Amino acid sequence: MQTPNAGGVDIGIRTGDDETITAWEYYAEAAKPPALFVFGDSYADTGNHDKHNPNVSQPWRIPYGQTWPGNPSGRYSDGFVLTDFIARFLNLPAPLPYSQVKEMPATGLDFAYGGSGVFDTYGPAYIPIRTQIEQFESLAQGNPVDYKNSLVLFVYSGNDYAVHFLKYGLTDLPILIPRIIEEIKLLLKRLHKLGFRRFAVTNLEPTGCLPFVRMPSGIMNCIQIDNFLTSMHNDLLSKALATLRTSSSHDAKYILLDQYSTFLEIFSSASDYGFGEDVLKSCCVGASTDTGCGAVDDSGEPLYKVCNDPSKAFFWDGAHPTEAGWKAVTWRFYPLIISLR
């Protein structure tokens, strides 16, 4: 059987009978956890925010979801997000958002809320990760959960840092980093204490490359000071996970999904992944600095513009990848996910 190329994006595999199957199907046979439970923020949110609350309804507005399912689904993208691809890779259905169920599905659930952090961030609608775990605990009571074999996807993209920066700039930001890492560690310990033994944890994306960070200053390339601070977070996170590996039960596994290096690799070889030269630009942008993707005027007219082909763009809006972007990123993660079987 032909072995897939780890650097590729669209990969087909031929069986001995010359029948082509997808790499998703091939690897799903090798790793089938019974359930996927997701905690985190907008990189993982599959629709938890209230579409009727204007403060958090952005992913429920057109043109979000235009690639899939064709209308807004509450995801911060034009289609699939990280969670969808990880679930598909494991041959599991995309976990439903916690806010849309009353009972615990057997195949897992998504507790992530866009804008969330380990501390309180933008307001009460942005459920911190500790509260997401409390929501899980409440729903899990009286329901059988295969803790040992299920996978926890823990996604942290830096909203605590963004809130701090809006209030104080770079002042004391390096002091905040170890506090956040310690809180992430405590949250993972809490999940381990519940019985979970399989953890996939993201590090920070290169925040200095995000369009909403660069564009207000008219900077076209990544901002190195932001990426340096991001690297400080990621270095401490790697050490925290190493500590958890040695201090947790012998059957616990913690893997790092390295968004930082993966994003940068894709940026440096954009054409190899099917992206255009302007890989750092957003596909959906506000018509002015005061508007963003999905914004409309009082008469409902769009105050944004969308690129002609989102599949050629890595970033959908100012902070979030397109479906094509997430597809490229997740292919880099599959060997690690396989190791959790």
C-alpha atoms as a PDB file:
ATOM      1  CA  MET A   1       0.000   0.000   0.000  1.00  0.00           C
ATOM      2  CA  GLN A   2       1.274   3.453  -0.871  1.00  0.00           C
ATOM      3  CA  THR A   3       2.352   5.578   2.113  1.00  0.00           C
ATOM      4  CA  PRO A   4       0.923   9.112   2.280  1.00  0.00           C
ATOM      5  CA  ASN A   5       3.193  12.118   1.951  1.00  0.00           C
ATOM      6  CA  ALA A   6       3.162  14.091   5.212  1.00  0.00           C
ATOM      7  CA  GLY A   7       3.774  17.344   3.415  1.00  0.00           C
ATOM      8  CA  GLY A   8       0.866  17.030   1.034  1.00  0.00           C
ATOM      9  CA  VAL A   9      -2.680  18.256   1.397  1.00  0.00           C
ATOM     10  CA  ASP A  10      -4.871  16.283  -0.993  1.00  0.00           C
ATOM     11  CA  ILE A  11      -3.639  12.697  -0.671  1.00  0.00           C
ATOM     12  CA  GLY A  12      -5.098   9.553  -2.175  1.00  0.00           C
ATOM     13  CA  ILE A  13      -4.004   6.031  -1.256  1.00  0.00           C
ATOM     14  CA  ARG A  14      -4.232   2.998  -3.496  1.00  0.00           C
ATOM     15  CA  THR A  15      -5.034  -0.407  -2.091  1.00  0.00           C
ATOM     16  CA  GLY A  16      -3.700  -3.636  -3.533  1.00  0.00           C
ATOM     17  CA  ASP A  17      -6.855  -3.893  -5.618  1.00  0.00           C
ATOM     18  CA  ASP A  18      -6.040  -0.527  -7.200  1.00  0.00           C
ATOM     19  CA  GLU A  19      -8.972   1.121  -5.466  1.00  0.00           C
ATOM     20  CA  THR A  20      -8.287   4.616  -4.208  1.00  0.00           C
ATOM     21  CA  ILE A  21      -9.298   5.518  -0.657  1.00  0.00           C
ATOM     22  CA  THR A  22      -8.694   8.805   1.090  1.00  0.00           C
ATOM     23  CA  ALA A  23      -5.933   9.255   3.634  1.00  0.00           C
ATOM     24  CA  TRP A  24      -8.641  10.247   6.118  1.00  0.00           C
ATOM     25  CA  GLU A  25     -10.191   6.770   5.739  1.00  0.00           C
ATOM     26  CA  TYR A  26      -6.845   5.008   5.842  1.00  0.00           C
ATOM     27  CA  TYR A  27      -5.636   6.595   9.061  1.00  0.00           C
ATOM     28  CA  ALA A  28      -9.047   6.521  10.709  1.00  0.00           C
ATOM     29  CA  GLU A  29      -8.778   2.734  10.636  1.00  0.00           C
ATOM     30  CA  ALA A  30      -5.577   3.036  12.668  1.00  0.00           C
ATOM     31  CA  ALA A  31      -6.950   5.413  15.294  1.00  0.00           C
ATOM     32  CA  LYS A  32     -10.535   5.260  16.469  1.00  0.00           C
ATOM     33  CA  PRO A  33     -11.089   6.860  19.854  1.00  0.00           C
ATOM     34  CA  PRO A  34     -14.753   6.524  20.830  1.00  0.00           C
ATOM     35  CA  ALA A  35     -15.268  10.244  21.450  1.00  0.00           C
ATOM     36  CA  LEU A  36     -13.735  13.693  20.977  1.00  0.00           C
ATOM     37  CA  PHE A  37     -14.184  16.348  23.664  1.00  0.00           C
ATOM     38  CA  VAL A  38     -13.106  19.877  22.797  1.00  0.00           C
ATOM     39  CA  PHE A  39     -12.261  22.808  25.078  1.00  0.00           C
ATOM     40  CA  GLY A  40     -10.943  26.156  23.932  1.00  0.00           C
ATOM     41  CA  ASP A  41     -11.705  29.157  21.758  1.00  0.00           C
ATOM     42  CA  SER A  42     -12.649  30.247  18.235  1.00  0.00           C
ATOM     43  CA  TYR A  43     -10.098  28.002  16.533  1.00  0.00           C
ATOM     44  CA  ALA A  44     -12.155  25.074  17.826  1.00  0.00           C
ATOM     45  CA  ASP A  45     -15.684  26.498  18.265  1.00  0.00           C
ATOM     46  CA  THR A  46     -18.269  24.754  16.065  1.00  0.00           C
ATOM     47  CA  GLY A  47     -21.185  27.025  16.965  1.00  0.00           C
ATOM     48  CA  ASN A  48     -21.519  27.621  20.705  1.00  0.00           C
ATOM     49  CA  HIS A  49     -22.202  31.347  20.648  1.00  0.00           C
ATOM     50  CA  ASP A  50     -25.751  32.704  20.711  1.00  0.00           C
ATOM     51  CA  LYS A  51     -26.656  33.791  17.195  1.00  0.00           C
ATOM     52  CA  HIS A  52     -29.168  36.268  18.630  1.00  0.00           C
ATOM     53  CA  ASN A  53     -26.614  38.099  20.780  1.00  0.00           C
ATOM     54  CA  PRO A  54     -25.104  40.858  18.617  1.00  0.00           C
ATOM     55  CA  ASN A  55     -21.973  40.946  20.791  1.00  0.00           C
ATOM     56  CA  VAL A  56     -20.972  37.408  19.815  1.00  0.00           C
ATOM     57  CA  SER A  57     -22.931  36.727  16.622  1.00  0.00           C
ATOM     58  CA  GLN A  58     -20.142  37.381  14.099  1.00  0.00           C
ATOM     59  CA  PRO A  59     -19.709  33.712  13.065  1.00  0.00           C
ATOM     60  CA  TRP A  60     -23.472  33.501  12.522  1.00  0.00           C
ATOM     61  CA  ARG A  61     -23.387  36.260   9.904  1.00  0.00           C
ATOM     62  CA  ILE A  62     -22.966  36.001   6.150  1.00  0.00           C
ATOM     63  CA  PRO A  63     -20.392  35.353   4.592  1.00  0.00           C
ATOM     64  CA  TYR A  64     -19.180  32.971   7.319  1.00  0.00           C
ATOM     65  CA  GLY A  65     -19.839  29.383   6.257  1.00  0.00           C
ATOM     66  CA  GLN A  66     -20.024  30.202   2.553  1.00  0.00           C
ATOM     67  CA  THR A  67     -17.763  27.288   1.561  1.00  0.00           C
ATOM     68  CA  TRP A  68     -19.456  24.869   3.942  1.00  0.00           C
ATOM     69  CA  PRO A  69     -22.309  24.379   4.694  1.00  0.00           C
ATOM     70  CA  GLY A  70     -23.242  27.320   2.435  1.00  0.00           C
ATOM     71  CA  ASN A  71     -24.571  29.500   5.244  1.00  0.00           C
ATOM     72  CA  PRO A  72     -23.265  30.579   8.669  1.00  0.00           C
ATOM     73  CA  SER A  73     -22.843  27.687  11.127  1.00  0.00           C
ATOM     74  CA  GLY A  74     -21.319  29.548  14.065  1.00  0.00           C
ATOM     75  CA  ARG A  75     -17.773  28.654  13.010  1.00  0.00           C
ATOM     76  CA  TYR A  76     -15.144  31.374  12.653  1.00  0.00           C
ATOM     77  CA  SER A  77     -14.306  30.443   9.081  1.00  0.00           C
ATOM     78  CA  ASP A  78     -15.760  29.990   5.619  1.00  0.00           C
ATOM     79  CA  GLY A  79     -16.170  26.276   6.381  1.00  0.00           C
ATOM     80  CA  PHE A  80     -14.519  23.612   8.523  1.00  0.00           C
ATOM     81  CA  VAL A  81     -12.320  24.577  11.481  1.00  0.00           C
ATOM     82  CA  LEU A  82      -9.626  22.659  13.356  1.00  0.00           C
ATOM     83  CA  THR A  83     -12.157  20.571  15.299  1.00  0.00           C
ATOM     84  CA  ASP A  84     -13.923  19.358  12.156  1.00  0.00           C
ATOM     85  CA  PHE A  85     -10.744  18.102  10.552  1.00  0.00           C
ATOM     86  CA  ILE A  86      -9.473  16.352  13.678  1.00  0.00           C
ATOM     87  CA  ALA A  87     -12.854  14.625  14.055  1.00  0.00           C
ATOM     88  CA  ARG A  88     -12.957  13.622  10.395  1.00  0.00           C
ATOM     89  CA  PHE A  89      -9.402  12.352  10.659  1.00  0.00           C
ATOM     90  CA  LEU A  90     -10.490  10.086  13.526  1.00  0.00           C
ATOM     91  CA  ASN A  91     -13.558   8.900  11.627  1.00  0.00           C
ATOM     92  CA  LEU A  92     -15.823  10.623  14.143  1.00  0.00           C
ATOM     93  CA  PRO A  93     -18.654  13.056  13.461  1.00  0.00           C
ATOM     94  CA  ALA A  94     -17.808  16.680  14.163  1.00  0.00           C
ATOM     95  CA  PRO A  95     -18.709  17.158  17.833  1.00  0.00           C
ATOM     96  CA  LEU A  96     -21.891  19.141  18.321  1.00  0.00           C
ATOM     97  CA  PRO A  97     -21.678  22.453  20.185  1.00  0.00           C
ATOM     98  CA  TYR A  98     -22.510  22.147  23.887  1.00  0.00           C
ATOM     99  CA  SER A  99     -25.033  24.996  23.639  1.00  0.00           C
ATOM    100  CA  GLN A 100     -27.161  23.003  21.191  1.00  0.00           C
ATOM    101  CA  VAL A 101     -27.624  19.756  23.155  1.00  0.00           C
ATOM    102  CA  LYS A 102     -29.297  18.606  26.346  1.00  0.00           C
ATOM    103  CA  GLU A 103     -27.642  15.206  26.691  1.00  0.00           C
ATOM    104  CA  MET A 104     -24.081  13.954  26.231  1.00  0.00           C
ATOM    105  CA  PRO A 105     -23.589  12.418  22.757  1.00  0.00           C
ATOM    106  CA  ALA A 106     -21.644   9.154  22.741  1.00  0.00           C
ATOM    107  CA  THR A 107     -19.111  10.513  20.247  1.00  0.00           C
ATOM    108  CA  GLY A 108     -18.178  13.642  22.198  1.00  0.00           C
ATOM    109  CA  LEU A 109     -19.011  17.319  22.431  1.00  0.00           C
ATOM    110  CA  ASP A 110     -17.504  20.731  21.696  1.00  0.00           C
ATOM    111  CA  PHE A 111     -17.387  23.120  24.669  1.00  0.00           C
ATOM    112  CA  ALA A 112     -15.156  25.742  22.995  1.00  0.00           C
ATOM    113  CA  TYR A 113     -16.366  29.334  22.749  1.00  0.00           C
ATOM    114  CA  GLY A 114     -14.861  31.921  20.419  1.00  0.00           C
ATOM    115  CA  GLY A 115     -13.031  34.613  22.378  1.00  0.00           C
ATOM    116  CA  SER A 116     -12.469  32.449  25.453  1.00  0.00           C
ATOM    117  CA  GLY A 117      -9.296  32.210  27.472  1.00  0.00           C
ATOM    118  CA  VAL A 118      -8.050  30.652  30.680  1.00  0.00           C
ATOM    119  CA  PHE A 119      -9.152  33.823  32.488  1.00  0.00           C
ATOM    120  CA  ASP A 120     -12.125  36.107  31.856  1.00  0.00           C
ATOM    121  CA  THR A 121     -11.657  37.904  28.549  1.00  0.00           C
ATOM    122  CA  TYR A 122     -14.101  40.148  26.661  1.00  0.00           C
ATOM    123  CA  GLY A 123     -17.228  39.724  28.766  1.00  0.00           C
ATOM    124  CA  PRO A 124     -19.690  37.234  30.291  1.00  0.00           C
ATOM    125  CA  ALA A 125     -20.648  35.700  26.926  1.00  0.00           C
ATOM    126  CA  TYR A 126     -17.074  34.475  26.478  1.00  0.00           C
ATOM    127  CA  ILE A 127     -17.035  31.337  28.607  1.00  0.00           C
ATOM    128  CA  PRO A 128     -13.550  30.718  30.098  1.00  0.00           C
ATOM    129  CA  ILE A 129     -12.127  27.252  29.739  1.00  0.00           C
ATOM    130  CA  ARG A 130     -12.543  26.472  33.439  1.00  0.00           C
ATOM    131  CA  THR A 131     -16.290  27.049  33.027  1.00  0.00           C
ATOM    132  CA  GLN A 132     -16.317  24.886  29.914  1.00  0.00           C
ATOM    133  CA  ILE A 133     -14.932  22.047  32.035  1.00  0.00           C
ATOM    134  CA  GLU A 134     -17.640  22.703  34.620  1.00  0.00           C
ATOM    135  CA  GLN A 135     -20.226  22.445  31.840  1.00  0.00           C
ATOM    136  CA  PHE A 136     -18.760  19.085  30.878  1.00  0.00           C
ATOM    137  CA  GLU A 137     -18.804  17.861  34.474  1.00  0.00           C
ATOM    138  CA  SER A 138     -22.452  18.832  34.885  1.00  0.00           C
ATOM    139  CA  LEU A 139     -23.554  17.168  31.643  1.00  0.00           C
ATOM    140  CA  ALA A 140     -21.461  14.048  32.269  1.00  0.00           C
ATOM    141  CA  GLN A 141     -23.181  13.256  35.563  1.00  0.00           C
ATOM    142  CA  GLY A 142     -25.112  10.032  35.178  1.00  0.00           C
ATOM    143  CA  ASN A 143     -23.814   9.486  31.631  1.00  0.00           C
ATOM    144  CA  PRO A 144     -21.209   6.858  30.704  1.00  0.00           C
ATOM    145  CA  VAL A 145     -18.044   8.471  29.351  1.00  0.00           C
ATOM    146  CA  ASP A 146     -15.090   6.412  28.133  1.00  0.00           C
ATOM    147  CA  TYR A 147     -12.550   8.724  29.716  1.00  0.00           C
ATOM    148  CA  LYS A 148      -9.553   6.470  29.198  1.00  0.00           C
ATOM    149  CA  ASN A 149      -9.872   6.108  25.437  1.00  0.00           C
ATOM    150  CA  SER A 150     -11.532   9.382  24.427  1.00  0.00           C
ATOM    151  CA  LEU A 151      -9.469  12.269  23.063  1.00  0.00           C
ATOM    152  CA  VAL A 152      -9.389  15.734  24.612  1.00  0.00           C
ATOM    153  CA  LEU A 153      -8.606  18.521  22.148  1.00  0.00           C
ATOM    154  CA  PHE A 154      -7.436  21.528  24.169  1.00  0.00           C
ATOM    155  CA  VAL A 155      -7.138  24.645  22.002  1.00  0.00           C
ATOM    156  CA  TYR A 156      -5.651  27.909  23.265  1.00  0.00           C
ATOM    157  CA  SER A 157      -5.090  30.770  20.809  1.00  0.00           C
ATOM    158  CA  GLY A 158      -4.195  33.683  23.071  1.00  0.00           C
ATOM    159  CA  ASN A 159      -7.305  35.720  23.872  1.00  0.00           C
ATOM    160  CA  ASP A 160      -5.980  36.528  27.359  1.00  0.00           C
ATOM    161  CA  TYR A 161      -2.961  38.155  25.746  1.00  0.00           C
ATOM    162  CA  ALA A 162      -5.134  40.109  23.312  1.00  0.00           C
ATOM    163  CA  VAL A 163      -7.257  41.498  26.160  1.00  0.00           C
ATOM    164  CA  HIS A 164      -4.154  42.443  28.134  1.00  0.00           C
ATOM    165  CA  PHE A 165      -2.645  44.168  25.099  1.00  0.00           C
ATOM    166  CA  LEU A 166      -5.828  46.191  24.474  1.00  0.00           C
ATOM    167  CA  LYS A 167      -5.724  47.450  28.067  1.00  0.00           C
ATOM    168  CA  TYR A 168      -2.020  47.807  28.788  1.00  0.00           C
ATOM    169  CA  GLY A 169      -0.040  47.326  25.595  1.00  0.00           C
ATOM    170  CA  LEU A 170       3.151  45.294  26.038  1.00  0.00           C
ATOM    171  CA  THR A 171       3.512  46.362  29.669  1.00  0.00           C
ATOM    172  CA  ASP A 172       3.950  43.319  31.940  1.00  0.00           C
ATOM    173  CA  LEU A 173       3.031  40.946  29.117  1.00  0.00           C
ATOM    174  CA  PRO A 174       6.071  38.728  29.818  1.00  0.00           C
ATOM    175  CA  ILE A 175       4.873  38.431  33.426  1.00  0.00           C
ATOM    176  CA  LEU A 176       1.463  37.232  32.247  1.00  0.00           C
ATOM    177  CA  ILE A 177       2.911  34.357  30.197  1.00  0.00           C
ATOM    178  CA  PRO A 178       3.890  32.029  33.078  1.00  0.00           C
ATOM    179  CA  ARG A 179       0.548  32.724  34.792  1.00  0.00           C
ATOM    180  CA  ILE A 180      -1.319  31.560  31.692  1.00  0.00           C
ATOM    181  CA  ILE A 181       0.882  28.478  31.305  1.00  0.00           C
ATOM    182  CA  GLU A 182       0.308  27.537  34.930  1.00  0.00           C
ATOM    183  CA  GLU A 183      -3.445  27.875  34.447  1.00  0.00           C
ATOM    184  CA  ILE A 184      -3.352  25.693  31.319  1.00  0.00           C
ATOM    185  CA  LYS A 185      -1.423  23.111  33.311  1.00  0.00           C
ATOM    186  CA  LEU A 186      -3.985  23.189  36.131  1.00  0.00           C
ATOM    187  CA  LEU A 187      -6.854  22.793  33.651  1.00  0.00           C
ATOM    188  CA  LEU A 188      -5.188  19.776  32.037  1.00  0.00           C
ATOM    189  CA  LYS A 189      -4.607  18.268  35.484  1.00  0.00           C
ATOM    190  CA  ARG A 190      -8.283  18.778  36.249  1.00  0.00           C
ATOM    191  CA  LEU A 191      -9.266  16.923  33.080  1.00  0.00           C
ATOM    192  CA  HIS A 192      -6.808  14.156  33.942  1.00  0.00           C
ATOM    193  CA  LYS A 193      -8.323  13.872  37.415  1.00  0.00           C
ATOM    194  CA  LEU A 194     -11.727  13.338  35.791  1.00  0.00           C
ATOM    195  CA  GLY A 195     -10.243  10.291  34.062  1.00  0.00           C
ATOM    196  CA  PHE A 196      -9.102  11.522  30.627  1.00  0.00           C
ATOM    197  CA  ARG A 197      -5.815  10.044  29.427  1.00  0.00           C
ATOM    198  CA  ARG A 198      -5.441  11.267  25.828  1.00  0.00           C
ATOM    199  CA  PHE A 199      -4.690  14.956  25.257  1.00  0.00           C
ATOM    200  CA  ALA A 200      -3.905  16.955  22.129  1.00  0.00           C
ATOM    201  CA  VAL A 201      -2.887  20.492  23.089  1.00  0.00           C
ATOM    202  CA  THR A 202      -2.238  23.365  20.695  1.00  0.00           C
ATOM    203  CA  ASN A 203       0.455  25.938  21.167  1.00  0.00           C
ATOM    204  CA  LEU A 204       0.054  29.521  19.981  1.00  0.00           C
ATOM    205  CA  GLU A 205      -0.007  30.375  16.312  1.00  0.00           C
ATOM    206  CA  PRO A 206       2.553  33.016  15.223  1.00  0.00           C
ATOM    207  CA  THR A 207       0.463  35.964  16.416  1.00  0.00           C
ATOM    208  CA  GLY A 208       2.718  38.483  14.729  1.00  0.00           C
ATOM    209  CA  CYS A 209       1.561  37.108  11.371  1.00  0.00           C
ATOM    210  CA  LEU A 210      -2.177  37.499  11.996  1.00  0.00           C
ATOM    211  CA  PRO A 211      -3.782  40.073   9.686  1.00  0.00           C
ATOM    212  CA  PHE A 212      -5.548  41.959  12.481  1.00  0.00           C
ATOM    213  CA  VAL A 213      -2.193  42.417  14.241  1.00  0.00           C
ATOM    214  CA  ARG A 214      -0.282  43.585  11.157  1.00  0.00           C
ATOM    215  CA  MET A 215      -2.752  45.540   9.066  1.00  0.00           C
ATOM    216  CA  PRO A 216      -3.582  48.476  11.395  1.00  0.00           C
ATOM    217  CA  SER A 217       0.076  49.497  11.114  1.00  0.00           C
ATOM    218  CA  GLY A 218       0.257  48.706   7.399  1.00  0.00           C
ATOM    219  CA  ILE A 219       2.885  46.019   8.035  1.00  0.00           C
ATOM    220  CA  MET A 220       2.897  43.365   5.333  1.00  0.00           C
ATOM    221  CA  ASN A 221       5.272  40.866   6.981  1.00  0.00           C
ATOM    222  CA  CYS A 222       5.105  39.154  10.355  1.00  0.00           C
ATOM    223  CA  ILE A 223       5.874  41.314  13.404  1.00  0.00           C
ATOM    224  CA  GLN A 224       8.854  39.750  15.114  1.00  0.00           C
ATOM    225  CA  ILE A 225       8.316  41.111  18.641  1.00  0.00           C
ATOM    226  CA  ASP A 226       4.862  39.500  18.714  1.00  0.00           C
ATOM    227  CA  ASN A 227       6.262  36.224  17.480  1.00  0.00           C
ATOM    228  CA  PHE A 228       9.061  36.409  20.058  1.00  0.00           C
ATOM    229  CA  LEU A 229       6.518  36.751  22.883  1.00  0.00           C
ATOM    230  CA  THR A 230       4.510  33.909  21.338  1.00  0.00           C
ATOM    231  CA  SER A 231       7.645  31.756  21.360  1.00  0.00           C
ATOM    232  CA  MET A 232       8.072  32.462  25.086  1.00  0.00           C
ATOM    233  CA  HIS A 233       4.570  31.099  25.686  1.00  0.00           C
ATOM    234  CA  ASN A 234       5.229  28.073  23.491  1.00  0.00           C
ATOM    235  CA  ASP A 235       8.555  27.237  25.144  1.00  0.00           C
ATOM    236  CA  LEU A 236       6.957  27.266  28.587  1.00  0.00           C
ATOM    237  CA  LEU A 237       4.004  25.233  27.321  1.00  0.00           C
ATOM    238  CA  SER A 238       6.329  22.545  25.971  1.00  0.00           C
ATOM    239  CA  LYS A 239       8.042  22.344  29.379  1.00  0.00           C
ATOM    240  CA  ALA A 240       4.660  22.173  31.137  1.00  0.00           C
ATOM    241  CA  LEU A 241       3.567  19.264  28.955  1.00  0.00           C
ATOM    242  CA  ALA A 242       6.875  17.504  29.633  1.00  0.00           C
ATOM    243  CA  THR A 243       6.215  17.883  33.362  1.00  0.00           C
ATOM    244  CA  LEU A 244       2.702  16.484  32.975  1.00  0.00           C
ATOM    245  CA  ARG A 245       4.061  13.485  31.084  1.00  0.00           C
ATOM    246  CA  THR A 246       6.355  12.579  33.950  1.00  0.00           C
ATOM    247  CA  SER A 247       3.999  13.429  36.820  1.00  0.00           C
ATOM    248  CA  SER A 248       0.718  12.004  35.489  1.00  0.00           C
ATOM    249  CA  SER A 249      -0.355   8.385  35.455  1.00  0.00           C
ATOM    250  CA  HIS A 250       1.781   6.123  33.275  1.00  0.00           C
ATOM    251  CA  ASP A 251      -1.037   5.608  30.777  1.00  0.00           C
ATOM    252  CA  ALA A 252      -1.583   9.328  30.086  1.00  0.00           C
ATOM    253  CA  LYS A 253      -0.443  10.814  26.775  1.00  0.00           C
ATOM    254  CA  TYR A 254       0.002  14.501  26.015  1.00  0.00           C
ATOM    255  CA  ILE A 255       0.868  15.584  22.486  1.00  0.00           C
ATOM    256  CA  LEU A 256       1.617  19.100  21.278  1.00  0.00           C
ATOM    257  CA  LEU A 257      -0.071  20.298  18.102  1.00  0.00           C
ATOM    258  CA  ASP A 258       2.532  22.800  16.950  1.00  0.00           C
ATOM    259  CA  GLN A 259       0.516  25.540  15.289  1.00  0.00           C
ATOM    260  CA  TYR A 260       3.428  27.972  15.446  1.00  0.00           C
ATOM    261  CA  SER A 261       5.858  25.993  13.288  1.00  0.00           C
ATOM    262  CA  THR A 262       3.091  24.646  11.066  1.00  0.00           C
ATOM    263  CA  PHE A 263       1.712  28.077  10.193  1.00  0.00           C
ATOM    264  CA  LEU A 264       5.210  29.391   9.441  1.00  0.00           C
ATOM    265  CA  GLU A 265       6.037  26.361   7.289  1.00  0.00           C
ATOM    266  CA  ILE A 266       2.892  26.930   5.230  1.00  0.00           C
ATOM    267  CA  PHE A 267       3.635  30.657   4.900  1.00  0.00           C
ATOM    268  CA  SER A 268       7.168  29.956   3.663  1.00  0.00           C
ATOM    269  CA  SER A 269       5.977  27.398   1.092  1.00  0.00           C
ATOM    270  CA  ALA A 270       2.558  28.833   0.284  1.00  0.00           C
ATOM    271  CA  SER A 271       2.432  27.716  -3.343  1.00  0.00           C
ATOM    272  CA  ASP A 272       3.154  24.110  -2.335  1.00  0.00           C
ATOM    273  CA  TYR A 273      -0.079  24.166  -0.349  1.00  0.00           C
ATOM    274  CA  GLY A 274      -2.118  25.852  -3.065  1.00  0.00           C
ATOM    275  CA  PHE A 275      -2.115  29.358  -1.593  1.00  0.00           C
ATOM    276  CA  GLY A 276      -1.390  32.599  -3.399  1.00  0.00           C
ATOM    277  CA  GLU A 277       1.535  34.966  -2.962  1.00  0.00           C
ATOM    278  CA  ASP A 278      -0.435  37.131  -0.522  1.00  0.00           C
ATOM    279  CA  VAL A 279      -0.729  34.276   1.972  1.00  0.00           C
ATOM    280  CA  LEU A 280      -0.772  36.657   4.950  1.00  0.00           C
ATOM    281  CA  LYS A 281      -3.803  38.581   3.690  1.00  0.00           C
ATOM    282  CA  SER A 282      -7.380  37.948   4.788  1.00  0.00           C
ATOM    283  CA  CYS A 283      -9.944  36.702   2.300  1.00  0.00           C
ATOM    284  CA  CYS A 284     -12.796  38.554   4.021  1.00  0.00           C
ATOM    285  CA  VAL A 285     -11.948  42.122   5.030  1.00  0.00           C
ATOM    286  CA  GLY A 286     -13.908  45.112   6.253  1.00  0.00           C
ATOM    287  CA  ALA A 287     -14.457  47.960   3.846  1.00  0.00           C
ATOM    288  CA  SER A 288     -12.806  50.307   6.365  1.00  0.00           C
ATOM    289  CA  THR A 289     -10.702  50.078   9.524  1.00  0.00           C
ATOM    290  CA  ASP A 290     -13.905  50.409  11.576  1.00  0.00           C
ATOM    291  CA  THR A 291     -15.626  47.352  10.089  1.00  0.00           C
ATOM    292  CA  GLY A 292     -14.836  43.651   9.877  1.00  0.00           C
ATOM    293  CA  CYS A 293     -15.923  40.536   8.055  1.00  0.00           C
ATOM    294  CA  GLY A 294     -19.688  40.122   8.251  1.00  0.00           C
ATOM    295  CA  ALA A 295     -20.409  43.764   9.137  1.00  0.00           C
ATOM    296  CA  VAL A 296     -23.396  45.473   7.497  1.00  0.00           C
ATOM    297  CA  ASP A 297     -24.801  49.003   7.546  1.00  0.00           C
ATOM    298  CA  ASP A 298     -28.221  50.028   8.874  1.00  0.00           C
ATOM    299  CA  SER A 299     -29.881  48.965   5.639  1.00  0.00           C
ATOM    300  CA  GLY A 300     -28.193  45.549   5.649  1.00  0.00           C
ATOM    301  CA  GLU A 301     -25.672  46.340   2.938  1.00  0.00           C
ATOM    302  CA  PRO A 302     -22.315  44.575   3.357  1.00  0.00           C
ATOM    303  CA  LEU A 303     -19.429  46.574   4.784  1.00  0.00           C
ATOM    304  CA  TYR A 304     -16.887  43.936   3.802  1.00  0.00           C
ATOM    305  CA  LYS A 305     -15.336  42.344   0.752  1.00  0.00           C
ATOM    306  CA  VAL A 306     -14.637  38.659   0.087  1.00  0.00           C
ATOM    307  CA  CYS A 307     -11.857  37.343  -2.152  1.00  0.00           C
ATOM    308  CA  ASN A 308     -12.768  35.486  -5.325  1.00  0.00           C
ATOM    309  CA  ASP A 309     -11.473  32.085  -4.188  1.00  0.00           C
ATOM    310  CA  PRO A 310     -11.225  31.318  -0.440  1.00  0.00           C
ATOM    311  CA  SER A 311      -9.518  28.018  -1.247  1.00  0.00           C
ATOM    312  CA  LYS A 312      -6.469  30.014  -2.348  1.00  0.00           C
ATOM    313  CA  ALA A 313      -6.357  32.021   0.888  1.00  0.00           C
ATOM    314  CA  PHE A 314      -4.931  30.837   4.211  1.00  0.00           C
ATOM    315  CA  PHE A 315      -6.676  33.436   6.373  1.00  0.00           C
ATOM    316  CA  TRP A 316     -10.428  33.904   6.260  1.00  0.00           C
ATOM    317  CA  ASP A 317     -10.700  37.021   8.444  1.00  0.00           C
ATOM    318  CA  GLY A 318      -8.277  38.940  10.643  1.00  0.00           C
ATOM    319  CA  ALA A 319      -7.438  36.018  12.924  1.00  0.00           C
ATOM    320  CA  HIS A 320      -8.859  32.751  11.614  1.00  0.00           C
ATOM    321  CA  PRO A 321      -7.804  30.384   8.826  1.00  0.00           C
ATOM    322  CA  THR A 322     -10.029  29.404   5.952  1.00  0.00           C
ATOM    323  CA  GLU A 323     -11.211  25.832   5.588  1.00  0.00           C
ATOM    324  CA  ALA A 324      -8.334  25.366   3.140  1.00  0.00           C
ATOM    325  CA  GLY A 325      -5.946  26.815   5.717  1.00  0.00           C
ATOM    326  CA  TRP A 326      -7.117  24.430   8.410  1.00  0.00           C
ATOM    327  CA  LYS A 327      -6.911  21.511   6.006  1.00  0.00           C
ATOM    328  CA  ALA A 328      -3.247  22.271   5.336  1.00  0.00           C
ATOM    329  CA  VAL A 329      -2.531  22.680   9.049  1.00  0.00           C
ATOM    330  CA  THR A 330      -4.224  19.476  10.175  1.00  0.00           C
ATOM    331  CA  TRP A 331      -2.345  17.325   7.665  1.00  0.00           C
ATOM    332  CA  ARG A 332       0.802  18.271   9.534  1.00  0.00           C
ATOM    333  CA  PHE A 333      -0.733  16.935  12.760  1.00  0.00           C
ATOM    334  CA  TYR A 334      -1.851  13.469  11.691  1.00  0.00           C
ATOM    335  CA  PRO A 335       1.214  11.464  12.810  1.00  0.00           C
ATOM    336  CA  LEU A 336       0.809  12.817  16.328  1.00  0.00           C
ATOM    337  CA  ILE A 337      -2.914  12.110  16.438  1.00  0.00           C
ATOM    338  CA  ILE A 338      -2.182   8.559  15.326  1.00  0.00           C
ATOM    339  CA  SER A 339       0.195   8.164  18.274  1.00  0.00           C
ATOM    340  CA  LEU A 340      -2.730   8.578  20.680  1.00  0.00           C
ATOM    341  CA  ARG A 341      -4.528   5.431  19.578  1.00  0.00           C
END
